[in-house]
PDB file of N, CA and C in Angstrom:
ATOM      1  N   MET A   1     -11.350   4.060 -16.288  1.00  0.00           N
ATOM      2  CA  MET A   1     -10.214   4.310 -15.423  1.00  0.00           C
ATOM      3  C   MET A   1     -10.393   3.477 -14.152  1.00  0.00           C
ATOM      4  N   GLU A   2      -9.560   2.480 -13.982  1.00  0.00           N
ATOM      5  CA  GLU A   2      -9.605   1.644 -12.784  1.00  0.00           C
ATOM      6  C   GLU A   2      -8.612   2.174 -11.756  1.00  0.00           C
ATOM      7  N   THR A   3      -9.082   2.327 -10.540  1.00  0.00           N
ATOM      8  CA  THR A   3      -8.227   2.770  -9.449  1.00  0.00           C
ATOM      9  C   THR A   3      -8.346   1.791  -8.288  1.00  0.00           C
ATOM     10  N   TYR A   4      -7.320   1.780  -7.446  1.00  0.00           N
ATOM     11  CA  TYR A   4      -7.236   0.790  -6.372  1.00  0.00           C
ATOM     12  C   TYR A   4      -6.759   1.394  -5.070  1.00  0.00           C
ATOM     13  N   PHE A   5      -7.309   0.869  -3.974  1.00  0.00           N
ATOM     14  CA  PHE A   5      -6.706   1.014  -2.653  1.00  0.00           C
ATOM     15  C   PHE A   5      -5.738  -0.152  -2.518  1.00  0.00           C
ATOM     16  N   VAL A   6      -4.541   0.102  -2.057  1.00  0.00           N
ATOM     17  CA  VAL A   6      -3.568  -0.962  -1.826  1.00  0.00           C
ATOM     18  C   VAL A   6      -3.256  -0.964  -0.335  1.00  0.00           C
ATOM     19  N   TYR A   7      -3.706  -2.012   0.331  1.00  0.00           N
ATOM     20  CA  TYR A   7      -3.539  -2.168   1.784  1.00  0.00           C
ATOM     21  C   TYR A   7      -2.230  -2.896   2.052  1.00  0.00           C
ATOM     22  N   VAL A   8      -1.421  -2.320   2.943  1.00  0.00           N
ATOM     23  CA  VAL A   8      -0.111  -2.891   3.281  1.00  0.00           C
ATOM     24  C   VAL A   8       0.051  -2.823   4.793  1.00  0.00           C
ATOM     25  N   THR A   9       0.681  -3.836   5.377  1.00  0.00           N
ATOM     26  CA  THR A   9       1.093  -3.732   6.769  1.00  0.00           C
ATOM     27  C   THR A   9       2.613  -3.669   6.804  1.00  0.00           C
ATOM     28  N   ALA A  10       3.136  -2.926   7.765  1.00  0.00           N
ATOM     29  CA  ALA A  10       4.580  -2.743   7.925  1.00  0.00           C
ATOM     30  C   ALA A  10       4.952  -2.973   9.381  1.00  0.00           C
ATOM     31  N   LYS A  11       6.241  -3.191   9.615  1.00  0.00           N
ATOM     32  CA  LYS A  11       6.679  -3.505  10.982  1.00  0.00           C
ATOM     33  C   LYS A  11       6.572  -2.323  11.933  1.00  0.00           C
ATOM     34  N   ASP A  12       6.678  -1.082  11.403  1.00  0.00           N
ATOM     35  CA  ASP A  12       6.580   0.093  12.262  1.00  0.00           C
ATOM     36  C   ASP A  12       6.316   1.333  11.411  1.00  0.00           C
ATOM     37  N   THR A  13       6.102   2.465  12.067  1.00  0.00           N
ATOM     38  CA  THR A  13       5.784   3.706  11.380  1.00  0.00           C
ATOM     39  C   THR A  13       6.917   4.131  10.461  1.00  0.00           C
ATOM     40  N   GLU A  14       8.133   3.979  10.895  1.00  0.00           N
ATOM     41  CA  GLU A  14       9.287   4.377  10.077  1.00  0.00           C
ATOM     42  C   GLU A  14       9.281   3.634   8.734  1.00  0.00           C
ATOM     43  N   GLU A  15       9.067   2.314   8.766  1.00  0.00           N
ATOM     44  CA  GLU A  15       9.038   1.546   7.530  1.00  0.00           C
ATOM     45  C   GLU A  15       7.850   1.957   6.654  1.00  0.00           C
ATOM     46  N   ALA A  16       6.684   2.140   7.255  1.00  0.00           N
ATOM     47  CA  ALA A  16       5.498   2.537   6.494  1.00  0.00           C
ATOM     48  C   ALA A  16       5.719   3.885   5.810  1.00  0.00           C
ATOM     49  N   LYS A  17       6.283   4.852   6.514  1.00  0.00           N
ATOM     50  CA  LYS A  17       6.539   6.169   5.936  1.00  0.00           C
ATOM     51  C   LYS A  17       7.600   6.100   4.844  1.00  0.00           C
ATOM     52  N   ARG A  18       8.609   5.267   5.023  1.00  0.00           N
ATOM     53  CA  ARG A  18       9.668   5.114   4.015  1.00  0.00           C
ATOM     54  C   ARG A  18       9.078   4.548   2.726  1.00  0.00           C
ATOM     55  N   ILE A  19       8.244   3.528   2.857  1.00  0.00           N
ATOM     56  CA  ILE A  19       7.576   2.942   1.683  1.00  0.00           C
ATOM     57  C   ILE A  19       6.663   3.978   1.039  1.00  0.00           C
ATOM     58  N   ALA A  20       5.847   4.658   1.847  1.00  0.00           N
ATOM     59  CA  ALA A  20       4.903   5.653   1.335  1.00  0.00           C
ATOM     60  C   ALA A  20       5.621   6.745   0.551  1.00  0.00           C
ATOM     61  N   LYS A  21       6.662   7.292   1.127  1.00  0.00           N
ATOM     62  CA  LYS A  21       7.374   8.387   0.471  1.00  0.00           C
ATOM     63  C   LYS A  21       7.993   7.932  -0.845  1.00  0.00           C
ATOM     64  N   ALA A  22       8.601   6.761  -0.849  1.00  0.00           N
ATOM     65  CA  ALA A  22       9.253   6.259  -2.065  1.00  0.00           C
ATOM     66  C   ALA A  22       8.256   6.055  -3.192  1.00  0.00           C
ATOM     67  N   VAL A  23       7.137   5.400  -2.907  1.00  0.00           N
ATOM     68  CA  VAL A  23       6.192   5.076  -3.990  1.00  0.00           C
ATOM     69  C   VAL A  23       5.435   6.301  -4.494  1.00  0.00           C
ATOM     70  N   VAL A  24       5.228   7.293  -3.627  1.00  0.00           N
ATOM     71  CA  VAL A  24       4.600   8.533  -4.082  1.00  0.00           C
ATOM     72  C   VAL A  24       5.596   9.331  -4.918  1.00  0.00           C
ATOM     73  N   GLU A  25       6.847   9.423  -4.460  1.00  0.00           N
ATOM     74  CA  GLU A  25       7.872  10.124  -5.233  1.00  0.00           C
ATOM     75  C   GLU A  25       8.063   9.494  -6.605  1.00  0.00           C
ATOM     76  N   GLU A  26       7.945   8.180  -6.688  1.00  0.00           N
ATOM     77  CA  GLU A  26       8.130   7.455  -7.946  1.00  0.00           C
ATOM     78  C   GLU A  26       6.852   7.408  -8.792  1.00  0.00           C
ATOM     79  N   ARG A  27       5.798   8.061  -8.328  1.00  0.00           N
ATOM     80  CA  ARG A  27       4.504   8.146  -9.015  1.00  0.00           C
ATOM     81  C   ARG A  27       3.826   6.781  -9.182  1.00  0.00           C
ATOM     82  N   LEU A  28       4.174   5.840  -8.315  1.00  0.00           N
ATOM     83  CA  LEU A  28       3.508   4.541  -8.323  1.00  0.00           C
ATOM     84  C   LEU A  28       2.204   4.602  -7.542  1.00  0.00           C
ATOM     85  N   ALA A  29       2.106   5.563  -6.646  1.00  0.00           N
ATOM     86  CA  ALA A  29       0.890   5.827  -5.879  1.00  0.00           C
ATOM     87  C   ALA A  29       0.672   7.330  -5.862  1.00  0.00           C
ATOM     88  N   ALA A  30      -0.593   7.740  -5.884  1.00  0.00           N
ATOM     89  CA  ALA A  30      -0.913   9.164  -5.835  1.00  0.00           C
ATOM     90  C   ALA A  30      -0.770   9.711  -4.419  1.00  0.00           C
ATOM     91  N   CYS A  31      -1.103   8.894  -3.442  1.00  0.00           N
ATOM     92  CA  CYS A  31      -0.986   9.304  -2.048  1.00  0.00           C
ATOM     93  C   CYS A  31      -0.981   8.082  -1.151  1.00  0.00           C
ATOM     94  N   ALA A  32      -0.659   8.332   0.104  1.00  0.00           N
ATOM     95  CA  ALA A  32      -0.586   7.253   1.087  1.00  0.00           C
ATOM     96  C   ALA A  32      -1.156   7.740   2.407  1.00  0.00           C
ATOM     97  N   ASN A  33      -1.805   6.833   3.109  1.00  0.00           N
ATOM     98  CA  ASN A  33      -2.268   7.099   4.478  1.00  0.00           C
ATOM     99  C   ASN A  33      -1.607   6.088   5.394  1.00  0.00           C
ATOM    100  N   VAL A  34      -0.918   6.582   6.415  1.00  0.00           N
ATOM    101  CA  VAL A  34      -0.324   5.718   7.431  1.00  0.00           C
ATOM    102  C   VAL A  34      -1.250   5.785   8.637  1.00  0.00           C
ATOM    103  N   PHE A  35      -1.842   4.633   8.983  1.00  0.00           N
ATOM    104  CA  PHE A  35      -2.873   4.603  10.013  1.00  0.00           C
ATOM    105  C   PHE A  35      -2.355   4.442  11.429  1.00  0.00           C
ATOM    106  N   GLY A  36      -1.128   4.068  11.609  1.00  0.00           N
ATOM    107  CA  GLY A  36      -0.616   3.909  12.952  1.00  0.00           C
ATOM    108  C   GLY A  36      -0.738   2.482  13.443  1.00  0.00           C
ATOM    109  N   ALA A  37      -0.539   2.330  14.724  1.00  0.00           N
ATOM    110  CA  ALA A  37      -0.422   1.011  15.335  1.00  0.00           C
ATOM    111  C   ALA A  37      -1.694   0.173  15.201  1.00  0.00           C
ATOM    112  N   ILE A  38      -1.495  -1.071  14.828  1.00  0.00           N
ATOM    113  CA  ILE A  38      -2.553  -2.074  14.816  1.00  0.00           C
ATOM    114  C   ILE A  38      -1.984  -3.327  15.474  1.00  0.00           C
ATOM    115  N   GLU A  39      -2.844  -4.185  15.964  1.00  0.00           N
ATOM    116  CA  GLU A  39      -2.418  -5.466  16.510  1.00  0.00           C
ATOM    117  C   GLU A  39      -2.795  -6.542  15.504  1.00  0.00           C
ATOM    118  N   SER A  40      -1.819  -7.338  15.107  1.00  0.00           N
ATOM    119  CA  SER A  40      -2.058  -8.386  14.118  1.00  0.00           C
ATOM    120  C   SER A  40      -1.906  -9.757  14.743  1.00  0.00           C
ATOM    121  N   VAL A  41      -2.839 -10.626  14.425  1.00  0.00           N
ATOM    122  CA  VAL A  41      -2.792 -12.032  14.832  1.00  0.00           C
ATOM    123  C   VAL A  41      -2.819 -12.832  13.543  1.00  0.00           C
ATOM    124  N   TYR A  42      -1.842 -13.714  13.354  1.00  0.00           N
ATOM    125  CA  TYR A  42      -1.722 -14.439  12.092  1.00  0.00           C
ATOM    126  C   TYR A  42      -1.003 -15.766  12.302  1.00  0.00           C
ATOM    127  N   ARG A  43      -1.169 -16.655  11.360  1.00  0.00           N
ATOM    128  CA  ARG A  43      -0.465 -17.934  11.386  1.00  0.00           C
ATOM    129  C   ARG A  43       0.748 -17.805  10.481  1.00  0.00           C
ATOM    130  N   TRP A  44       1.929 -18.169  11.001  1.00  0.00           N
ATOM    131  CA  TRP A  44       3.170 -18.100  10.232  1.00  0.00           C
ATOM    132  C   TRP A  44       4.045 -19.293  10.594  1.00  0.00           C
ATOM    133  N   LYS A  45       4.387 -20.053   9.579  1.00  0.00           N
ATOM    134  CA  LYS A  45       5.266 -21.225   9.741  1.00  0.00           C
ATOM    135  C   LYS A  45       4.747 -22.168  10.819  1.00  0.00           C
ATOM    136  N   GLY A  46       3.430 -22.399  10.790  1.00  0.00           N
ATOM    137  CA  GLY A  46       2.827 -23.387  11.661  1.00  0.00           C
ATOM    138  C   GLY A  46       2.448 -22.928  13.050  1.00  0.00           C
ATOM    139  N   LYS A  47       2.660 -21.658  13.382  1.00  0.00           N
ATOM    140  CA  LYS A  47       2.244 -21.213  14.709  1.00  0.00           C
ATOM    141  C   LYS A  47       1.510 -19.886  14.633  1.00  0.00           C
ATOM    142  N   VAL A  48       0.679 -19.638  15.628  1.00  0.00           N
ATOM    143  CA  VAL A  48      -0.073 -18.400  15.706  1.00  0.00           C
ATOM    144  C   VAL A  48       0.820 -17.339  16.357  1.00  0.00           C
ATOM    145  N   CYS A  49       0.916 -16.198  15.693  1.00  0.00           N
ATOM    146  CA  CYS A  49       1.771 -15.103  16.153  1.00  0.00           C
ATOM    147  C   CYS A  49       0.922 -13.860  16.426  1.00  0.00           C
ATOM    148  N   GLU A  50       1.418 -13.008  17.291  1.00  0.00           N
ATOM    149  CA  GLU A  50       0.806 -11.715  17.573  1.00  0.00           C
ATOM    150  C   GLU A  50       1.905 -10.666  17.539  1.00  0.00           C
ATOM    151  N   ASP A  51       1.659  -9.601  16.766  1.00  0.00           N
ATOM    152  CA  ASP A  51       2.648  -8.528  16.656  1.00  0.00           C
ATOM    153  C   ASP A  51       1.956  -7.191  16.485  1.00  0.00           C
ATOM    154  N   ASP A  52       2.650  -6.135  16.885  1.00  0.00           N
ATOM    155  CA  ASP A  52       2.220  -4.779  16.583  1.00  0.00           C
ATOM    156  C   ASP A  52       2.741  -4.447  15.193  1.00  0.00           C
ATOM    157  N   GLU A  53       1.894  -3.852  14.373  1.00  0.00           N
ATOM    158  CA  GLU A  53       2.274  -3.431  13.030  1.00  0.00           C
ATOM    159  C   GLU A  53       1.651  -2.067  12.770  1.00  0.00           C
ATOM    160  N   VAL A  54       1.899  -1.549  11.572  1.00  0.00           N
ATOM    161  CA  VAL A  54       1.312  -0.281  11.136  1.00  0.00           C
ATOM    162  C   VAL A  54       0.612  -0.537   9.816  1.00  0.00           C
ATOM    163  N   ALA A  55      -0.607  -0.008   9.668  1.00  0.00           N
ATOM    164  CA  ALA A  55      -1.358  -0.152   8.421  1.00  0.00           C
ATOM    165  C   ALA A  55      -1.083   1.044   7.513  1.00  0.00           C
ATOM    166  N   LEU A  56      -0.992   0.743   6.240  1.00  0.00           N
ATOM    167  CA  LEU A  56      -0.707   1.747   5.212  1.00  0.00           C
ATOM    168  C   LEU A  56      -1.674   1.509   4.061  1.00  0.00           C
ATOM    169  N   VAL A  57      -2.336   2.570   3.588  1.00  0.00           N
ATOM    170  CA  VAL A  57      -3.210   2.455   2.429  1.00  0.00           C
ATOM    171  C   VAL A  57      -2.718   3.422   1.361  1.00  0.00           C
ATOM    172  N   LEU A  58      -2.474   2.870   0.179  1.00  0.00           N
ATOM    173  CA  LEU A  58      -2.011   3.640  -0.968  1.00  0.00           C
ATOM    174  C   LEU A  58      -3.137   3.707  -1.991  1.00  0.00           C
ATOM    175  N   LYS A  59      -3.129   4.728  -2.838  1.00  0.00           N
ATOM    176  CA  LYS A  59      -4.100   4.831  -3.925  1.00  0.00           C
ATOM    177  C   LYS A  59      -3.331   4.839  -5.238  1.00  0.00           C
ATOM    178  N   THR A  60      -3.732   3.975  -6.173  1.00  0.00           N
ATOM    179  CA  THR A  60      -3.018   3.867  -7.432  1.00  0.00           C
ATOM    180  C   THR A  60      -3.954   3.548  -8.581  1.00  0.00           C
ATOM    181  N   SER A  61      -3.394   3.591  -9.776  1.00  0.00           N
ATOM    182  CA  SER A  61      -4.136   3.251 -10.990  1.00  0.00           C
ATOM    183  C   SER A  61      -3.849   1.809 -11.381  1.00  0.00           C
ATOM    184  N   ASN A  62      -4.716   1.263 -12.195  1.00  0.00           N
ATOM    185  CA  ASN A  62      -4.512  -0.095 -12.684  1.00  0.00           C
ATOM    186  C   ASN A  62      -3.187  -0.214 -13.443  1.00  0.00           C
ATOM    187  N   GLU A  63      -2.837   0.831 -14.169  1.00  0.00           N
ATOM    188  CA  GLU A  63      -1.613   0.819 -14.964  1.00  0.00           C
ATOM    189  C   GLU A  63      -0.352   0.729 -14.115  1.00  0.00           C
ATOM    190  N   ARG A  64      -0.375   1.224 -12.890  1.00  0.00           N
ATOM    191  CA  ARG A  64       0.822   1.229 -12.033  1.00  0.00           C
ATOM    192  C   ARG A  64       0.779   0.171 -10.934  1.00  0.00           C
ATOM    193  N   LYS A  65      -0.335  -0.549 -10.847  1.00  0.00           N
ATOM    194  CA  LYS A  65      -0.550  -1.490  -9.738  1.00  0.00           C
ATOM    195  C   LYS A  65       0.541  -2.564  -9.643  1.00  0.00           C
ATOM    196  N   ALA A  66       0.853  -3.244 -10.725  1.00  0.00           N
ATOM    197  CA  ALA A  66       1.839  -4.331 -10.687  1.00  0.00           C
ATOM    198  C   ALA A  66       3.222  -3.799 -10.306  1.00  0.00           C
ATOM    199  N   GLU A  67       3.578  -2.648 -10.866  1.00  0.00           N
ATOM    200  CA  GLU A  67       4.875  -2.047 -10.552  1.00  0.00           C
ATOM    201  C   GLU A  67       4.918  -1.613  -9.081  1.00  0.00           C
ATOM    202  N   LEU A  68       3.790  -1.109  -8.573  1.00  0.00           N
ATOM    203  CA  LEU A  68       3.708  -0.718  -7.164  1.00  0.00           C
ATOM    204  C   LEU A  68       3.917  -1.929  -6.260  1.00  0.00           C
ATOM    205  N   ILE A  69       3.253  -3.022  -6.570  1.00  0.00           N
ATOM    206  CA  ILE A  69       3.415  -4.241  -5.768  1.00  0.00           C
ATOM    207  C   ILE A  69       4.880  -4.675  -5.745  1.00  0.00           C
ATOM    208  N   ASP A  70       5.510  -4.696  -6.901  1.00  0.00           N
ATOM    209  CA  ASP A  70       6.923  -5.093  -6.972  1.00  0.00           C
ATOM    210  C   ASP A  70       7.812  -4.166  -6.150  1.00  0.00           C
ATOM    211  N   ARG A  71       7.544  -2.866  -6.221  1.00  0.00           N
ATOM    212  CA  ARG A  71       8.369  -1.899  -5.490  1.00  0.00           C
ATOM    213  C   ARG A  71       8.182  -2.036  -3.985  1.00  0.00           C
ATOM    214  N   ILE A  72       6.953  -2.241  -3.546  1.00  0.00           N
ATOM    215  CA  ILE A  72       6.720  -2.447  -2.113  1.00  0.00           C
ATOM    216  C   ILE A  72       7.514  -3.664  -1.633  1.00  0.00           C
ATOM    217  N   LYS A  73       7.489  -4.748  -2.406  1.00  0.00           N
ATOM    218  CA  LYS A  73       8.228  -5.954  -2.028  1.00  0.00           C
ATOM    219  C   LYS A  73       9.725  -5.674  -1.927  1.00  0.00           C
ATOM    220  N   GLN A  74      10.262  -4.815  -2.790  1.00  0.00           N
ATOM    221  CA  GLN A  74      11.679  -4.451  -2.733  1.00  0.00           C
ATOM    222  C   GLN A  74      12.002  -3.645  -1.482  1.00  0.00           C
ATOM    223  N   LEU A  75      11.102  -2.759  -1.107  1.00  0.00           N
ATOM    224  CA  LEU A  75      11.334  -1.845   0.019  1.00  0.00           C
ATOM    225  C   LEU A  75      11.015  -2.453   1.380  1.00  0.00           C
ATOM    226  N   HIS A  76      10.225  -3.504   1.401  1.00  0.00           N
ATOM    227  CA  HIS A  76       9.673  -4.058   2.642  1.00  0.00           C
ATOM    228  C   HIS A  76      10.672  -4.977   3.340  1.00  0.00           C
ATOM    229  N   SER A  77      10.599  -5.022   4.658  1.00  0.00           N
ATOM    230  CA  SER A  77      11.504  -5.880   5.439  1.00  0.00           C
ATOM    231  C   SER A  77      10.991  -7.317   5.580  1.00  0.00           C
ATOM    232  N   TYR A  78       9.703  -7.551   5.318  1.00  0.00           N
ATOM    233  CA  TYR A  78       9.148  -8.899   5.472  1.00  0.00           C
ATOM    234  C   TYR A  78       9.452  -9.759   4.254  1.00  0.00           C
ATOM    235  N   ASP A  79       9.573 -11.068   4.475  1.00  0.00           N
ATOM    236  CA  ASP A  79       9.733 -12.022   3.369  1.00  0.00           C
ATOM    237  C   ASP A  79       8.470 -12.080   2.512  1.00  0.00           C
ATOM    238  N   THR A  80       7.312 -12.030   3.173  1.00  0.00           N
ATOM    239  CA  THR A  80       6.026 -12.131   2.489  1.00  0.00           C
ATOM    240  C   THR A  80       5.114 -11.010   3.008  1.00  0.00           C
ATOM    241  N   PRO A  81       5.320  -9.788   2.524  1.00  0.00           N
ATOM    242  CA  PRO A  81       4.507  -8.680   3.056  1.00  0.00           C
ATOM    243  C   PRO A  81       3.047  -8.767   2.630  1.00  0.00           C
ATOM    244  N   CYS A  82       2.183  -8.280   3.496  1.00  0.00           N
ATOM    245  CA  CYS A  82       0.766  -8.152   3.171  1.00  0.00           C
ATOM    246  C   CYS A  82       0.619  -6.992   2.190  1.00  0.00           C
ATOM    247  N   ILE A  83       0.181  -7.311   0.975  1.00  0.00           N
ATOM    248  CA  ILE A  83      -0.128  -6.306  -0.043  1.00  0.00           C
ATOM    249  C   ILE A  83      -1.422  -6.771  -0.702  1.00  0.00           C
ATOM    250  N   ALA A  84      -2.496  -6.051  -0.470  1.00  0.00           N
ATOM    251  CA  ALA A  84      -3.799  -6.448  -1.014  1.00  0.00           C
ATOM    252  C   ALA A  84      -4.398  -5.276  -1.778  1.00  0.00           C
ATOM    253  N   CYS A  85      -4.801  -5.522  -3.021  1.00  0.00           N
ATOM    254  CA  CYS A  85      -5.371  -4.487  -3.883  1.00  0.00           C
ATOM    255  C   CYS A  85      -6.886  -4.609  -3.911  1.00  0.00           C
ATOM    256  N   LEU A  86      -7.545  -3.528  -3.581  1.00  0.00           N
ATOM    257  CA  LEU A  86      -9.000  -3.490  -3.540  1.00  0.00           C
ATOM    258  C   LEU A  86      -9.492  -2.461  -4.551  1.00  0.00           C
ATOM    259  N   PRO A  87     -10.311  -2.876  -5.511  1.00  0.00           N
ATOM    260  CA  PRO A  87     -10.770  -1.921  -6.521  1.00  0.00           C
ATOM    261  C   PRO A  87     -11.714  -0.879  -5.922  1.00  0.00           C
ATOM    262  N   MET A  88     -11.563   0.347  -6.383  1.00  0.00           N
ATOM    263  CA  MET A  88     -12.506   1.404  -6.032  1.00  0.00           C
ATOM    264  C   MET A  88     -13.638   1.314  -7.039  1.00  0.00           C
ATOM    265  N   VAL A  89     -14.808   0.948  -6.595  1.00  0.00           N
ATOM    266  CA  VAL A  89     -15.914   0.751  -7.524  1.00  0.00           C
ATOM    267  C   VAL A  89     -16.656   2.048  -7.833  1.00  0.00           C
ATOM    268  N   ASP A  90     -16.467   3.056  -6.997  1.00  0.00           N
ATOM    269  CA  ASP A  90     -17.126   4.336  -7.224  1.00  0.00           C
ATOM    270  C   ASP A  90     -16.451   5.367  -6.334  1.00  0.00           C
ATOM    271  N   GLY A  91     -16.741   6.620  -6.576  1.00  0.00           N
ATOM    272  CA  GLY A  91     -16.175   7.674  -5.748  1.00  0.00           C
ATOM    273  C   GLY A  91     -16.271   9.022  -6.437  1.00  0.00           C
ATOM    274  N   ASN A  92     -15.682  10.001  -5.829  1.00  0.00           N
ATOM    275  CA  ASN A  92     -15.640  11.341  -6.380  1.00  0.00           C
ATOM    276  C   ASN A  92     -14.876  11.296  -7.706  1.00  0.00           C
ATOM    277  N   PRO A  93     -15.533  11.559  -8.823  1.00  0.00           N
ATOM    278  CA  PRO A  93     -14.861  11.478 -10.124  1.00  0.00           C
ATOM    279  C   PRO A  93     -13.597  12.333 -10.201  1.00  0.00           C
ATOM    280  N   ASP A  94     -13.619  13.506  -9.567  1.00  0.00           N
ATOM    281  CA  ASP A  94     -12.436  14.373  -9.583  1.00  0.00           C
ATOM    282  C   ASP A  94     -11.274  13.729  -8.836  1.00  0.00           C
ATOM    283  N   PHE A  95     -11.576  13.063  -7.728  1.00  0.00           N
ATOM    284  CA  PHE A  95     -10.534  12.366  -6.962  1.00  0.00           C
ATOM    285  C   PHE A  95      -9.962  11.205  -7.775  1.00  0.00           C
ATOM    286  N   LEU A  96     -10.821  10.441  -8.414  1.00  0.00           N
ATOM    287  CA  LEU A  96     -10.363   9.298  -9.216  1.00  0.00           C
ATOM    288  C   LEU A  96      -9.515   9.759 -10.394  1.00  0.00           C
ATOM    289  N   LYS A  97      -9.898  10.880 -11.015  1.00  0.00           N
ATOM    290  CA  LYS A  97      -9.088  11.443 -12.102  1.00  0.00           C
ATOM    291  C   LYS A  97      -7.735  11.901 -11.571  1.00  0.00           C
ATOM    292  N   TRP A  98      -7.734  12.484 -10.376  1.00  0.00           N
ATOM    293  CA  TRP A  98      -6.482  12.929  -9.761  1.00  0.00           C
ATOM    294  C   TRP A  98      -5.543  11.759  -9.537  1.00  0.00           C
ATOM    295  N   ILE A  99      -6.056  10.637  -9.052  1.00  0.00           N
ATOM    296  CA  ILE A  99      -5.215   9.437  -8.868  1.00  0.00           C
ATOM    297  C   ILE A  99      -4.596   9.042 -10.202  1.00  0.00           C
ATOM    298  N   ALA A 100      -5.419   9.001 -11.238  1.00  0.00           N
ATOM    299  CA  ALA A 100      -4.916   8.621 -12.561  1.00  0.00           C
ATOM    300  C   ALA A 100      -3.833   9.580 -13.042  1.00  0.00           C
ATOM    301  N   SER A 101      -4.036  10.879 -12.857  1.00  0.00           N
ATOM    302  CA  SER A 101      -3.059  11.848 -13.351  1.00  0.00           C
ATOM    303  C   SER A 101      -1.762  11.812 -12.548  1.00  0.00           C
ATOM    304  N   GLU A 102      -1.857  11.564 -11.251  1.00  0.00           N
ATOM    305  CA  GLU A 102      -0.652  11.546 -10.406  1.00  0.00           C
ATOM    306  C   GLU A 102       0.162  10.270 -10.548  1.00  0.00           C
ATOM    307  N   THR A 103      -0.399   9.247 -11.146  1.00  0.00           N
ATOM    308  CA  THR A 103       0.336   7.984 -11.303  1.00  0.00           C
ATOM    309  C   THR A 103       0.737   7.721 -12.745  1.00  0.00           C
ATOM    310  N   GLN A 104       0.667   8.746 -13.569  1.00  0.00           N
ATOM    311  CA  GLN A 104       1.144   8.579 -14.944  1.00  0.00           C
ATOM    312  C   GLN A 104       2.661   8.567 -14.935  1.00  0.00           C
ATOM    313  N   GLY A 105       3.232   7.560 -15.591  1.00  0.00           N
ATOM    314  CA  GLY A 105       4.690   7.407 -15.622  1.00  0.00           C
ATOM    315  C   GLY A 105       5.280   8.388 -16.533  1.00  0.00           C
TER     316      GLY A 105
END
């Protein structure tokens, strides 16, 4: 059973919560954590930018990962949203089973 943390940045708390609620309701993610304000520094279209954003971490199964990525892109306001999947290499077996059961389509 492969499970993943999916790291996403959003323009604000409202957008992060909207994405979180939609993907959990659709069983694409078992749960979401909205971390609040972060400061991002990045290069975009040839210049260095600084913006306030909100970090969001979702937990999902390998089976729902691709669909989750597609859905986040549909819901997100950015042209190229940050969506990074990090495998969970170990953890509480009961928690990992819960992620798998909550993301069954």
